[in-house]
Amino acid sequence: MEKERNHGTMYFILKQIKLYVSSQEKSEAHLLDYMQEHPELTPEPPSPPPGEFQKIMAELNRRGAETVVRKQLKVLYYGQRFVNSLQKPLLIVMVVLIILAASAIGASAKKAYDYQLREQNTGRSRNEVLKADKVSKAYEEMKEHLGINLLMINNRPHKMNW
């Protein structure tokens, strides 16, 4: 059963392009197959006279004309030299930046780890014991002057929003 096309519907533009390209590929494939089946129908291109290409190139060299191929080869050659000359310095810069970034991340992680250890070990170091002693004296003085029992907080919780 053959599919019927509904010409009244609009196709998306990319779908139309895809359909056109696929139909063109099918027709080219069919034409190629036909040409391969019947080689006698395809004419052979005439061969150039011997040495014609060398004569043309010699005349171009004599005139100093630059061919497109030479220009493209020059651009390619100079482009490769430019990329190769920049390759080593850029690689060195990239390695240095990676080392700096890694060391900055390491230093930040070390500071965070030290802070976490200080928070976990409150009251154990000598300086914090002295601070806690001074704070407790301050609470006692406040209690004497105000006559109110104050609640003493030795450390604050980790997830306190200020």
C-alpha atoms as a PDB file:
ATOM      1  CA  MET A   1       0.000   0.000   0.000  1.00  0.00           C
ATOM      2  CA  GLU A   2       1.479   3.280  -1.059  1.00  0.00           C
ATOM      3  CA  LYS A   3       1.596   6.266   1.281  1.00  0.00           C
ATOM      4  CA  GLU A   4      -0.408   9.221   0.116  1.00  0.00           C
ATOM      5  CA  ARG A   5       1.010  12.664   0.635  1.00  0.00           C
ATOM      6  CA  ASN A   6      -1.192  15.336   2.017  1.00  0.00           C
ATOM      7  CA  HIS A   7      -0.081  18.432   0.147  1.00  0.00           C
ATOM      8  CA  GLY A   8      -2.374  20.637   2.197  1.00  0.00           C
ATOM      9  CA  THR A   9      -0.274  20.312   5.357  1.00  0.00           C
ATOM     10  CA  MET A  10       2.789  22.458   5.910  1.00  0.00           C
ATOM     11  CA  TYR A  11       6.003  20.722   6.901  1.00  0.00           C
ATOM     12  CA  PHE A  12       8.592  22.183   9.214  1.00  0.00           C
ATOM     13  CA  ILE A  13      11.350  23.824   7.138  1.00  0.00           C
ATOM     14  CA  LEU A  14      14.076  21.458   8.368  1.00  0.00           C
ATOM     15  CA  LYS A  15      11.898  18.487   7.521  1.00  0.00           C
ATOM     16  CA  GLN A  16      11.386  19.882   4.017  1.00  0.00           C
ATOM     17  CA  ILE A  17      15.133  20.308   3.582  1.00  0.00           C
ATOM     18  CA  LYS A  18      15.729  16.761   4.817  1.00  0.00           C
ATOM     19  CA  LEU A  19      13.155  15.381   2.374  1.00  0.00           C
ATOM     20  CA  TYR A  20      14.724  17.327  -0.510  1.00  0.00           C
ATOM     21  CA  VAL A  21      18.251  16.152   0.332  1.00  0.00           C
ATOM     22  CA  SER A  22      17.193  12.534   0.691  1.00  0.00           C
ATOM     23  CA  SER A  23      15.326  12.582  -2.641  1.00  0.00           C
ATOM     24  CA  GLN A  24      18.342  14.196  -4.319  1.00  0.00           C
ATOM     25  CA  GLU A  25      20.657  11.528  -2.854  1.00  0.00           C
ATOM     26  CA  LYS A  26      18.337   8.780  -4.116  1.00  0.00           C
ATOM     27  CA  SER A  27      18.274  10.205  -7.648  1.00  0.00           C
ATOM     28  CA  GLU A  28      22.087  10.613  -7.678  1.00  0.00           C
ATOM     29  CA  ALA A  29      22.531   7.033  -6.450  1.00  0.00           C
ATOM     30  CA  HIS A  30      20.180   5.785  -9.171  1.00  0.00           C
ATOM     31  CA  LEU A  31      22.061   7.768 -11.838  1.00  0.00           C
ATOM     32  CA  LEU A  32      25.422   6.437 -10.607  1.00  0.00           C
ATOM     33  CA  ASP A  33      24.129   2.870 -10.694  1.00  0.00           C
ATOM     34  CA  TYR A  34      22.850   3.379 -14.230  1.00  0.00           C
ATOM     35  CA  MET A  35      26.198   4.828 -15.367  1.00  0.00           C
ATOM     36  CA  GLN A  36      28.079   1.894 -13.864  1.00  0.00           C
ATOM     37  CA  GLU A  37      25.769  -0.579 -15.611  1.00  0.00           C
ATOM     38  CA  HIS A  38      26.284   1.154 -18.984  1.00  0.00           C
ATOM     39  CA  PRO A  39      29.914   2.351 -19.223  1.00  0.00           C
ATOM     40  CA  GLU A  40      29.670   2.768 -22.978  1.00  0.00           C
ATOM     41  CA  LEU A  41      27.340   5.764 -22.543  1.00  0.00           C
ATOM     42  CA  THR A  42      29.806   7.857 -20.542  1.00  0.00           C
ATOM     43  CA  PRO A  43      32.387   9.625 -22.678  1.00  0.00           C
ATOM     44  CA  GLU A  44      36.016   9.656 -21.590  1.00  0.00           C
ATOM     45  CA  PRO A  45      37.535  13.064 -20.982  1.00  0.00           C
ATOM     46  CA  PRO A  46      40.227  14.029 -23.483  1.00  0.00           C
ATOM     47  CA  SER A  47      43.772  13.599 -22.177  1.00  0.00           C
ATOM     48  CA  PRO A  48      45.968  16.711 -22.118  1.00  0.00           C
ATOM     49  CA  PRO A  49      49.030  16.888 -24.310  1.00  0.00           C
ATOM     50  CA  PRO A  50      52.190  15.541 -22.637  1.00  0.00           C
ATOM     51  CA  GLY A  51      54.059  18.139 -20.595  1.00  0.00           C
ATOM     52  CA  GLU A  52      51.194  20.673 -20.668  1.00  0.00           C
ATOM     53  CA  PHE A  53      50.945  20.952 -16.879  1.00  0.00           C
ATOM     54  CA  GLN A  54      54.688  21.576 -16.542  1.00  0.00           C
ATOM     55  CA  LYS A  55      54.473  24.318 -19.207  1.00  0.00           C
ATOM     56  CA  ILE A  56      51.634  26.031 -17.387  1.00  0.00           C
ATOM     57  CA  MET A  57      53.472  25.895 -14.045  1.00  0.00           C
ATOM     58  CA  ALA A  58      56.686  27.202 -15.644  1.00  0.00           C
ATOM     59  CA  GLU A  59      54.789  30.142 -17.166  1.00  0.00           C
ATOM     60  CA  LEU A  60      53.166  30.923 -13.794  1.00  0.00           C
ATOM     61  CA  ASN A  61      56.574  30.842 -12.085  1.00  0.00           C
ATOM     62  CA  ARG A  62      58.043  33.100 -14.778  1.00  0.00           C
ATOM     63  CA  ARG A  63      55.257  35.652 -14.291  1.00  0.00           C
ATOM     64  CA  GLY A  64      55.536  35.411 -10.510  1.00  0.00           C
ATOM     65  CA  ALA A  65      51.868  34.529 -10.140  1.00  0.00           C
ATOM     66  CA  GLU A  66      50.896  32.781  -6.966  1.00  0.00           C
ATOM     67  CA  THR A  67      48.447  29.927  -7.270  1.00  0.00           C
ATOM     68  CA  VAL A  68      45.672  29.318  -4.774  1.00  0.00           C
ATOM     69  CA  VAL A  69      47.315  26.082  -3.697  1.00  0.00           C
ATOM     70  CA  ARG A  70      50.565  27.873  -2.843  1.00  0.00           C
ATOM     71  CA  LYS A  71      48.691  30.525  -0.879  1.00  0.00           C
ATOM     72  CA  GLN A  72      46.826  27.836   1.028  1.00  0.00           C
ATOM     73  CA  LEU A  73      50.046  25.952   1.737  1.00  0.00           C
ATOM     74  CA  LYS A  74      51.697  29.171   2.986  1.00  0.00           C
ATOM     75  CA  VAL A  75      48.795  29.928   5.289  1.00  0.00           C
ATOM     76  CA  LEU A  76      48.818  26.363   6.550  1.00  0.00           C
ATOM     77  CA  TYR A  77      52.568  26.407   7.120  1.00  0.00           C
ATOM     78  CA  TYR A  78      52.593  29.758   8.933  1.00  0.00           C
ATOM     79  CA  GLY A  79      49.507  28.788  10.927  1.00  0.00           C
ATOM     80  CA  GLN A  80      51.186  25.595  12.100  1.00  0.00           C
ATOM     81  CA  ARG A  81      54.351  27.508  13.027  1.00  0.00           C
ATOM     82  CA  PHE A  82      52.296  30.066  14.961  1.00  0.00           C
ATOM     83  CA  VAL A  83      50.370  27.383  16.869  1.00  0.00           C
ATOM     84  CA  ASN A  84      53.563  25.443  17.606  1.00  0.00           C
ATOM     85  CA  SER A  85      55.321  28.580  18.866  1.00  0.00           C
ATOM     86  CA  LEU A  86      52.436  29.372  21.240  1.00  0.00           C
ATOM     87  CA  GLN A  87      51.921  25.815  22.382  1.00  0.00           C
ATOM     88  CA  LYS A  88      54.736  25.609  24.954  1.00  0.00           C
ATOM     89  CA  PRO A  89      54.162  28.980  26.697  1.00  0.00           C
ATOM     90  CA  LEU A  90      50.425  28.387  26.907  1.00  0.00           C
ATOM     91  CA  LEU A  91      50.996  24.911  28.307  1.00  0.00           C
ATOM     92  CA  ILE A  92      53.335  26.311  30.964  1.00  0.00           C
ATOM     93  CA  VAL A  93      50.831  29.040  31.889  1.00  0.00           C
ATOM     94  CA  MET A  94      48.060  26.463  32.112  1.00  0.00           C
ATOM     95  CA  VAL A  95      50.116  24.202  34.401  1.00  0.00           C
ATOM     96  CA  VAL A  96      51.012  27.156  36.658  1.00  0.00           C
ATOM     97  CA  LEU A  97      47.355  28.194  36.890  1.00  0.00           C
ATOM     98  CA  ILE A  98      46.298  24.659  37.748  1.00  0.00           C
ATOM     99  CA  ILE A  99      48.950  24.480  40.480  1.00  0.00           C
ATOM    100  CA  LEU A 100      47.836  27.856  41.897  1.00  0.00           C
ATOM    101  CA  ALA A 101      44.194  26.820  41.874  1.00  0.00           C
ATOM    102  CA  ALA A 102      44.973  23.494  43.538  1.00  0.00           C
ATOM    103  CA  SER A 103      47.075  25.159  46.229  1.00  0.00           C
ATOM    104  CA  ALA A 104      44.351  27.755  46.887  1.00  0.00           C
ATOM    105  CA  ILE A 105      41.776  25.002  47.229  1.00  0.00           C
ATOM    106  CA  GLY A 106      44.124  23.073  49.513  1.00  0.00           C
ATOM    107  CA  ALA A 107      44.784  26.130  51.696  1.00  0.00           C
ATOM    108  CA  SER A 108      41.077  26.853  51.956  1.00  0.00           C
ATOM    109  CA  ALA A 109      40.344  23.252  52.877  1.00  0.00           C
ATOM    110  CA  LYS A 110      43.112  23.322  55.518  1.00  0.00           C
ATOM    111  CA  LYS A 111      41.706  26.511  57.058  1.00  0.00           C
ATOM    112  CA  ALA A 112      38.221  25.013  57.128  1.00  0.00           C
ATOM    113  CA  TYR A 113      39.544  21.826  58.734  1.00  0.00           C
ATOM    114  CA  ASP A 114      41.484  23.814  61.365  1.00  0.00           C
ATOM    115  CA  TYR A 115      38.387  25.886  62.138  1.00  0.00           C
ATOM    116  CA  GLN A 116      36.300  22.746  62.507  1.00  0.00           C
ATOM    117  CA  LEU A 117      38.877  21.262  64.893  1.00  0.00           C
ATOM    118  CA  ARG A 118      38.919  24.459  66.966  1.00  0.00           C
ATOM    119  CA  GLU A 119      35.134  24.414  67.174  1.00  0.00           C
ATOM    120  CA  GLN A 120      35.068  20.773  68.270  1.00  0.00           C
ATOM    121  CA  ASN A 121      37.824  21.190  70.876  1.00  0.00           C
ATOM    122  CA  THR A 122      36.483  24.299  72.658  1.00  0.00           C
ATOM    123  CA  GLY A 123      37.593  24.609  76.257  1.00  0.00           C
ATOM    124  CA  ARG A 124      40.542  22.264  75.868  1.00  0.00           C
ATOM    125  CA  SER A 125      43.253  24.713  74.938  1.00  0.00           C
ATOM    126  CA  ARG A 126      44.878  26.906  77.545  1.00  0.00           C
ATOM    127  CA  ASN A 127      43.743  30.202  76.004  1.00  0.00           C
ATOM    128  CA  GLU A 128      40.113  29.184  75.874  1.00  0.00           C
ATOM    129  CA  VAL A 129      40.169  28.054  79.502  1.00  0.00           C
ATOM    130  CA  LEU A 130      41.390  31.511  80.501  1.00  0.00           C
ATOM    131  CA  LYS A 131      38.716  33.163  78.376  1.00  0.00           C
ATOM    132  CA  ALA A 132      36.043  30.940  79.892  1.00  0.00           C
ATOM    133  CA  ASP A 133      37.319  31.839  83.371  1.00  0.00           C
ATOM    134  CA  LYS A 134      37.070  35.573  82.598  1.00  0.00           C
ATOM    135  CA  VAL A 135      33.594  35.125  81.175  1.00  0.00           C
ATOM    136  CA  SER A 136      32.453  33.211  84.258  1.00  0.00           C
ATOM    137  CA  LYS A 137      33.733  36.031  86.485  1.00  0.00           C
ATOM    138  CA  ALA A 138      31.775  38.507  84.388  1.00  0.00           C
ATOM    139  CA  TYR A 139      28.623  36.411  84.801  1.00  0.00           C
ATOM    140  CA  GLU A 140      29.158  36.312  88.580  1.00  0.00           C
ATOM    141  CA  GLU A 141      29.522  40.098  88.745  1.00  0.00           C
ATOM    142  CA  MET A 142      26.352  40.551  86.711  1.00  0.00           C
ATOM    143  CA  LYS A 143      24.556  38.161  89.050  1.00  0.00           C
ATOM    144  CA  GLU A 144      25.679  40.166  92.093  1.00  0.00           C
ATOM    145  CA  HIS A 145      24.703  43.560  90.654  1.00  0.00           C
ATOM    146  CA  LEU A 146      21.405  42.528  89.057  1.00  0.00           C
ATOM    147  CA  GLY A 147      20.361  39.809  91.463  1.00  0.00           C
ATOM    148  CA  ILE A 148      19.326  37.518  88.606  1.00  0.00           C
ATOM    149  CA  ASN A 149      20.652  34.034  87.845  1.00  0.00           C
ATOM    150  CA  LEU A 150      22.051  34.216  84.317  1.00  0.00           C
ATOM    151  CA  LEU A 151      22.340  31.281  81.963  1.00  0.00           C
ATOM    152  CA  MET A 152      25.983  30.806  80.923  1.00  0.00           C
ATOM    153  CA  ILE A 153      26.628  29.694  77.336  1.00  0.00           C
ATOM    154  CA  ASN A 154      30.046  28.114  76.830  1.00  0.00           C
ATOM    155  CA  ASN A 155      29.858  27.542  73.097  1.00  0.00           C
ATOM    156  CA  ARG A 156      27.471  28.368  70.285  1.00  0.00           C
ATOM    157  CA  PRO A 157      25.836  25.845  67.946  1.00  0.00           C
ATOM    158  CA  HIS A 158      27.365  25.263  64.496  1.00  0.00           C
ATOM    159  CA  LYS A 159      24.308  26.220  62.450  1.00  0.00           C
ATOM    160  CA  MET A 160      23.376  29.504  64.047  1.00  0.00           C
ATOM    161  CA  ASN A 161      22.204  32.242  61.682  1.00  0.00           C
ATOM    162  CA  TRP A 162      23.286  35.790  62.584  1.00  0.00           C
END
